[in-house]
Amino acid sequence: MMDVRFSRYDTVDYLKTEEDIVAYLDAVLEEGEPALIAAALGDVARTRNFSQLARDVGMSRQGLDKALSGHGNPSLSTVVKVAHALGLRLSFKAAH
């Protein structure tokens, strides 16, 4: 019998371009689940220099990691600061 091995899936491996990142965040926002949104921002943050991002946001690396883990509960202020530091902005559109 053949020994089958699987590598660990990591979303970050597929976020290569700004378009990939925006499409990913748009898809996550469609779900509307706050913990999933925070975790998705954490994924995007891991594509960048996480330590520098934490400094830009005014948090410790550990604090930012916890907030964006999907288990944290970041404030809207933190989400906006992270988005801005990542070169992104939040926007709203009418729900259908």
N, C-alpha and C. Protein backbone atom coordinates (compact mmCIF):
# COMPACT_ATOMS: atom_id res chain seq x y z
N MET A 1 0.84 -1.17 0.00
CA MET A 1 0.00 0.00 0.00
C MET A 1 0.89 1.24 0.00
N MET A 2 0.48 2.23 -0.77
CA MET A 2 1.26 3.45 -0.91
C MET A 2 0.99 4.39 0.27
N ASP A 3 2.06 4.95 0.82
CA ASP A 3 1.93 5.92 1.91
C ASP A 3 1.63 7.29 1.30
N VAL A 4 0.45 7.82 1.58
CA VAL A 4 0.04 9.11 1.03
C VAL A 4 0.27 10.19 2.07
N ARG A 5 0.92 11.27 1.66
CA ARG A 5 1.18 12.39 2.56
C ARG A 5 0.55 13.64 1.97
N PHE A 6 -0.02 14.41 2.86
CA PHE A 6 -0.63 15.67 2.46
C PHE A 6 0.10 16.80 3.14
N SER A 7 0.30 17.89 2.40
CA SER A 7 0.90 19.06 3.03
C SER A 7 -0.19 19.87 3.70
N ARG A 8 0.19 20.65 4.67
CA ARG A 8 -0.75 21.49 5.41
C ARG A 8 -1.23 22.60 4.50
N TYR A 9 -2.55 22.81 4.45
CA TYR A 9 -3.12 23.89 3.65
C TYR A 9 -2.93 25.21 4.39
N ASP A 10 -2.47 26.21 3.67
CA ASP A 10 -2.34 27.55 4.25
C ASP A 10 -2.81 28.55 3.20
N THR A 11 -3.86 29.27 3.50
CA THR A 11 -4.42 30.26 2.58
C THR A 11 -3.37 31.23 2.09
N VAL A 12 -2.44 31.58 2.96
CA VAL A 12 -1.40 32.56 2.62
C VAL A 12 -0.64 32.14 1.37
N ASP A 13 -0.49 30.84 1.15
CA ASP A 13 0.23 30.36 -0.03
C ASP A 13 -0.46 30.78 -1.33
N TYR A 14 -1.72 31.13 -1.27
CA TYR A 14 -2.50 31.46 -2.46
C TYR A 14 -2.79 32.96 -2.60
N LEU A 15 -2.30 33.75 -1.68
CA LEU A 15 -2.51 35.20 -1.74
C LEU A 15 -1.26 35.85 -2.32
N LYS A 16 -1.12 35.75 -3.62
CA LYS A 16 0.10 36.20 -4.31
C LYS A 16 0.02 37.65 -4.78
N THR A 17 -1.19 38.11 -5.15
CA THR A 17 -1.32 39.45 -5.71
C THR A 17 -2.35 40.25 -4.91
N GLU A 18 -2.36 41.54 -5.16
CA GLU A 18 -3.37 42.40 -4.52
C GLU A 18 -4.77 41.96 -4.92
N GLU A 19 -4.92 41.53 -6.17
CA GLU A 19 -6.22 41.05 -6.65
C GLU A 19 -6.66 39.80 -5.88
N ASP A 20 -5.71 38.89 -5.62
CA ASP A 20 -6.02 37.69 -4.83
C ASP A 20 -6.51 38.08 -3.44
N ILE A 21 -5.81 39.03 -2.84
CA ILE A 21 -6.14 39.48 -1.47
C ILE A 21 -7.52 40.11 -1.44
N VAL A 22 -7.80 40.99 -2.38
CA VAL A 22 -9.11 41.66 -2.42
C VAL A 22 -10.23 40.65 -2.67
N ALA A 23 -10.02 39.73 -3.59
CA ALA A 23 -11.05 38.71 -3.86
C ALA A 23 -11.30 37.85 -2.63
N TYR A 24 -10.24 37.48 -1.93
CA TYR A 24 -10.35 36.68 -0.71
C TYR A 24 -11.14 37.43 0.36
N LEU A 25 -10.76 38.67 0.61
CA LEU A 25 -11.46 39.45 1.64
C LEU A 25 -12.91 39.71 1.26
N ASP A 26 -13.18 39.97 -0.02
CA ASP A 26 -14.57 40.16 -0.46
C ASP A 26 -15.40 38.90 -0.21
N ALA A 27 -14.82 37.74 -0.52
CA ALA A 27 -15.54 36.47 -0.30
C ALA A 27 -15.82 36.26 1.18
N VAL A 28 -14.86 36.56 2.01
CA VAL A 28 -15.03 36.39 3.46
C VAL A 28 -16.08 37.37 3.99
N LEU A 29 -16.04 38.60 3.50
CA LEU A 29 -17.03 39.60 3.94
C LEU A 29 -18.44 39.20 3.56
N GLU A 30 -18.60 38.49 2.45
CA GLU A 30 -19.92 38.01 2.04
C GLU A 30 -20.52 37.09 3.09
N GLU A 31 -19.67 36.33 3.76
CA GLU A 31 -20.15 35.42 4.80
C GLU A 31 -20.66 36.19 6.01
N GLY A 32 -20.04 37.33 6.30
CA GLY A 32 -20.49 38.19 7.38
C GLY A 32 -20.16 37.69 8.79
N GLU A 33 -19.30 36.72 8.91
CA GLU A 33 -18.93 36.15 10.21
C GLU A 33 -17.73 36.91 10.77
N PRO A 34 -17.90 37.65 11.88
CA PRO A 34 -16.81 38.47 12.41
C PRO A 34 -15.51 37.71 12.68
N ALA A 35 -15.59 36.53 13.24
CA ALA A 35 -14.37 35.77 13.53
C ALA A 35 -13.65 35.38 12.24
N LEU A 36 -14.40 35.07 11.20
CA LEU A 36 -13.81 34.70 9.92
C LEU A 36 -13.16 35.92 9.27
N ILE A 37 -13.78 37.08 9.41
CA ILE A 37 -13.21 38.31 8.87
C ILE A 37 -11.88 38.62 9.57
N ALA A 38 -11.86 38.51 10.88
CA ALA A 38 -10.62 38.75 11.63
C ALA A 38 -9.54 37.77 11.22
N ALA A 39 -9.90 36.50 11.07
CA ALA A 39 -8.91 35.49 10.67
C ALA A 39 -8.41 35.76 9.26
N ALA A 40 -9.28 36.21 8.37
CA ALA A 40 -8.87 36.53 7.00
C ALA A 40 -7.89 37.70 6.98
N LEU A 41 -8.16 38.72 7.80
CA LEU A 41 -7.20 39.83 7.92
C LEU A 41 -5.87 39.32 8.46
N GLY A 42 -5.94 38.36 9.37
CA GLY A 42 -4.72 37.74 9.89
C GLY A 42 -3.95 37.01 8.79
N ASP A 43 -4.69 36.32 7.91
CA ASP A 43 -4.03 35.65 6.78
C ASP A 43 -3.33 36.67 5.89
N VAL A 44 -4.03 37.76 5.58
CA VAL A 44 -3.43 38.79 4.74
C VAL A 44 -2.23 39.42 5.45
N ALA A 45 -2.36 39.65 6.74
CA ALA A 45 -1.25 40.23 7.50
C ALA A 45 -0.02 39.33 7.44
N ARG A 46 -0.22 38.02 7.42
CA ARG A 46 0.91 37.09 7.36
C ARG A 46 1.62 37.12 6.01
N THR A 47 0.99 37.72 5.00
CA THR A 47 1.68 37.86 3.71
C THR A 47 2.65 39.02 3.74
N ARG A 48 2.58 39.80 4.78
CA ARG A 48 3.43 40.99 4.93
C ARG A 48 4.34 40.81 6.13
N ASN A 49 5.07 41.84 6.47
CA ASN A 49 5.93 41.84 7.65
C ASN A 49 5.04 42.06 8.88
N PHE A 50 4.70 40.98 9.57
CA PHE A 50 3.74 41.03 10.66
C PHE A 50 4.22 41.92 11.80
N SER A 51 5.49 41.86 12.10
CA SER A 51 6.03 42.69 13.19
C SER A 51 5.92 44.17 12.86
N GLN A 52 6.23 44.53 11.62
CA GLN A 52 6.11 45.93 11.21
C GLN A 52 4.65 46.35 11.19
N LEU A 53 3.78 45.49 10.75
CA LEU A 53 2.35 45.79 10.74
C LEU A 53 1.86 46.06 12.16
N ALA A 54 2.29 45.26 13.12
CA ALA A 54 1.90 45.47 14.52
C ALA A 54 2.36 46.84 14.99
N ARG A 55 3.59 47.22 14.65
CA ARG A 55 4.08 48.55 15.03
C ARG A 55 3.24 49.65 14.37
N ASP A 56 2.91 49.47 13.09
CA ASP A 56 2.12 50.47 12.37
C ASP A 56 0.73 50.64 12.98
N VAL A 57 0.19 49.55 13.51
CA VAL A 57 -1.16 49.57 14.11
C VAL A 57 -1.10 50.06 15.56
N GLY A 58 0.09 50.00 16.17
CA GLY A 58 0.24 50.42 17.55
C GLY A 58 -0.08 49.33 18.55
N MET A 59 0.20 48.09 18.16
CA MET A 59 -0.05 46.94 19.03
C MET A 59 1.22 46.10 19.12
N SER A 60 1.26 45.23 20.11
CA SER A 60 2.35 44.26 20.15
C SER A 60 2.07 43.19 19.10
N ARG A 61 3.11 42.52 18.69
CA ARG A 61 2.95 41.44 17.70
C ARG A 61 2.01 40.38 18.25
N GLN A 62 2.19 40.03 19.52
CA GLN A 62 1.35 39.00 20.13
C GLN A 62 -0.11 39.45 20.23
N GLY A 63 -0.31 40.73 20.57
CA GLY A 63 -1.66 41.25 20.67
C GLY A 63 -2.37 41.26 19.32
N LEU A 64 -1.64 41.64 18.28
CA LEU A 64 -2.23 41.66 16.95
C LEU A 64 -2.50 40.23 16.48
N ASP A 65 -1.57 39.33 16.75
CA ASP A 65 -1.76 37.93 16.37
C ASP A 65 -3.01 37.36 17.04
N LYS A 66 -3.19 37.66 18.31
CA LYS A 66 -4.37 37.17 19.03
C LYS A 66 -5.64 37.79 18.46
N ALA A 67 -5.63 39.09 18.20
CA ALA A 67 -6.81 39.78 17.68
C ALA A 67 -7.23 39.23 16.32
N LEU A 68 -6.25 38.85 15.49
CA LEU A 68 -6.55 38.39 14.14
C LEU A 68 -6.52 36.88 13.99
N SER A 69 -6.58 36.18 15.10
CA SER A 69 -6.49 34.72 15.05
C SER A 69 -7.79 34.04 14.67
N GLY A 70 -8.89 34.75 14.72
CA GLY A 70 -10.19 34.12 14.51
C GLY A 70 -10.83 33.76 15.84
N HIS A 71 -10.01 33.76 16.89
CA HIS A 71 -10.52 33.50 18.24
C HIS A 71 -10.59 34.80 19.04
N GLY A 72 -9.93 35.82 18.54
CA GLY A 72 -9.96 37.13 19.19
C GLY A 72 -11.23 37.87 18.80
N ASN A 73 -11.39 39.03 19.35
CA ASN A 73 -12.56 39.85 19.03
C ASN A 73 -12.06 41.29 18.86
N PRO A 74 -11.40 41.57 17.71
CA PRO A 74 -10.83 42.91 17.53
C PRO A 74 -11.93 43.96 17.42
N SER A 75 -11.63 45.13 17.91
CA SER A 75 -12.56 46.24 17.79
C SER A 75 -12.60 46.69 16.33
N LEU A 76 -13.64 47.41 15.98
CA LEU A 76 -13.72 47.96 14.63
C LEU A 76 -12.53 48.89 14.38
N SER A 77 -12.12 49.59 15.40
CA SER A 77 -10.96 50.48 15.30
C SER A 77 -9.72 49.69 14.88
N THR A 78 -9.51 48.54 15.49
CA THR A 78 -8.36 47.71 15.15
C THR A 78 -8.46 47.20 13.73
N VAL A 79 -9.65 46.76 13.33
CA VAL A 79 -9.85 46.26 11.97
C VAL A 79 -9.54 47.37 10.96
N VAL A 80 -10.03 48.57 11.21
CA VAL A 80 -9.78 49.69 10.30
C VAL A 80 -8.29 50.02 10.26
N LYS A 81 -7.62 50.04 11.41
CA LYS A 81 -6.18 50.33 11.45
C LYS A 81 -5.38 49.27 10.68
N VAL A 82 -5.75 48.00 10.86
CA VAL A 82 -5.04 46.93 10.15
C VAL A 82 -5.27 47.06 8.65
N ALA A 83 -6.51 47.28 8.26
CA ALA A 83 -6.81 47.43 6.83
C ALA A 83 -5.99 48.59 6.25
N HIS A 84 -5.97 49.70 6.95
CA HIS A 84 -5.23 50.88 6.46
C HIS A 84 -3.73 50.56 6.37
N ALA A 85 -3.19 49.92 7.38
CA ALA A 85 -1.76 49.58 7.37
C ALA A 85 -1.42 48.59 6.25
N LEU A 86 -2.41 47.80 5.82
CA LEU A 86 -2.21 46.86 4.72
C LEU A 86 -2.45 47.51 3.36
N GLY A 87 -2.80 48.79 3.39
CA GLY A 87 -3.07 49.49 2.14
C GLY A 87 -4.45 49.21 1.59
N LEU A 88 -5.36 48.83 2.48
CA LEU A 88 -6.74 48.51 2.10
C LEU A 88 -7.70 49.48 2.77
N ARG A 89 -8.92 49.52 2.29
CA ARG A 89 -9.95 50.31 2.98
C ARG A 89 -11.22 49.49 3.02
N LEU A 90 -11.99 49.73 4.04
CA LEU A 90 -13.28 49.06 4.17
C LEU A 90 -14.31 49.83 3.36
N SER A 91 -15.24 49.11 2.78
CA SER A 91 -16.33 49.78 2.08
C SER A 91 -17.60 48.97 2.28
N PHE A 92 -18.70 49.63 2.06
CA PHE A 92 -19.99 48.98 2.23
C PHE A 92 -20.76 49.07 0.92
N LYS A 93 -21.60 48.09 0.69
CA LYS A 93 -22.51 48.13 -0.45
C LYS A 93 -23.85 47.57 -0.01
N ALA A 94 -24.87 47.94 -0.71
CA ALA A 94 -26.22 47.51 -0.34
C ALA A 94 -26.34 45.99 -0.44
N ALA A 95 -26.98 45.40 0.56
CA ALA A 95 -27.27 43.97 0.53
C ALA A 95 -28.49 43.75 -0.34
N HIS A 96 -28.50 42.68 -1.05
CA HIS A 96 -29.63 42.42 -1.95
C HIS A 96 -30.58 41.43 -1.34
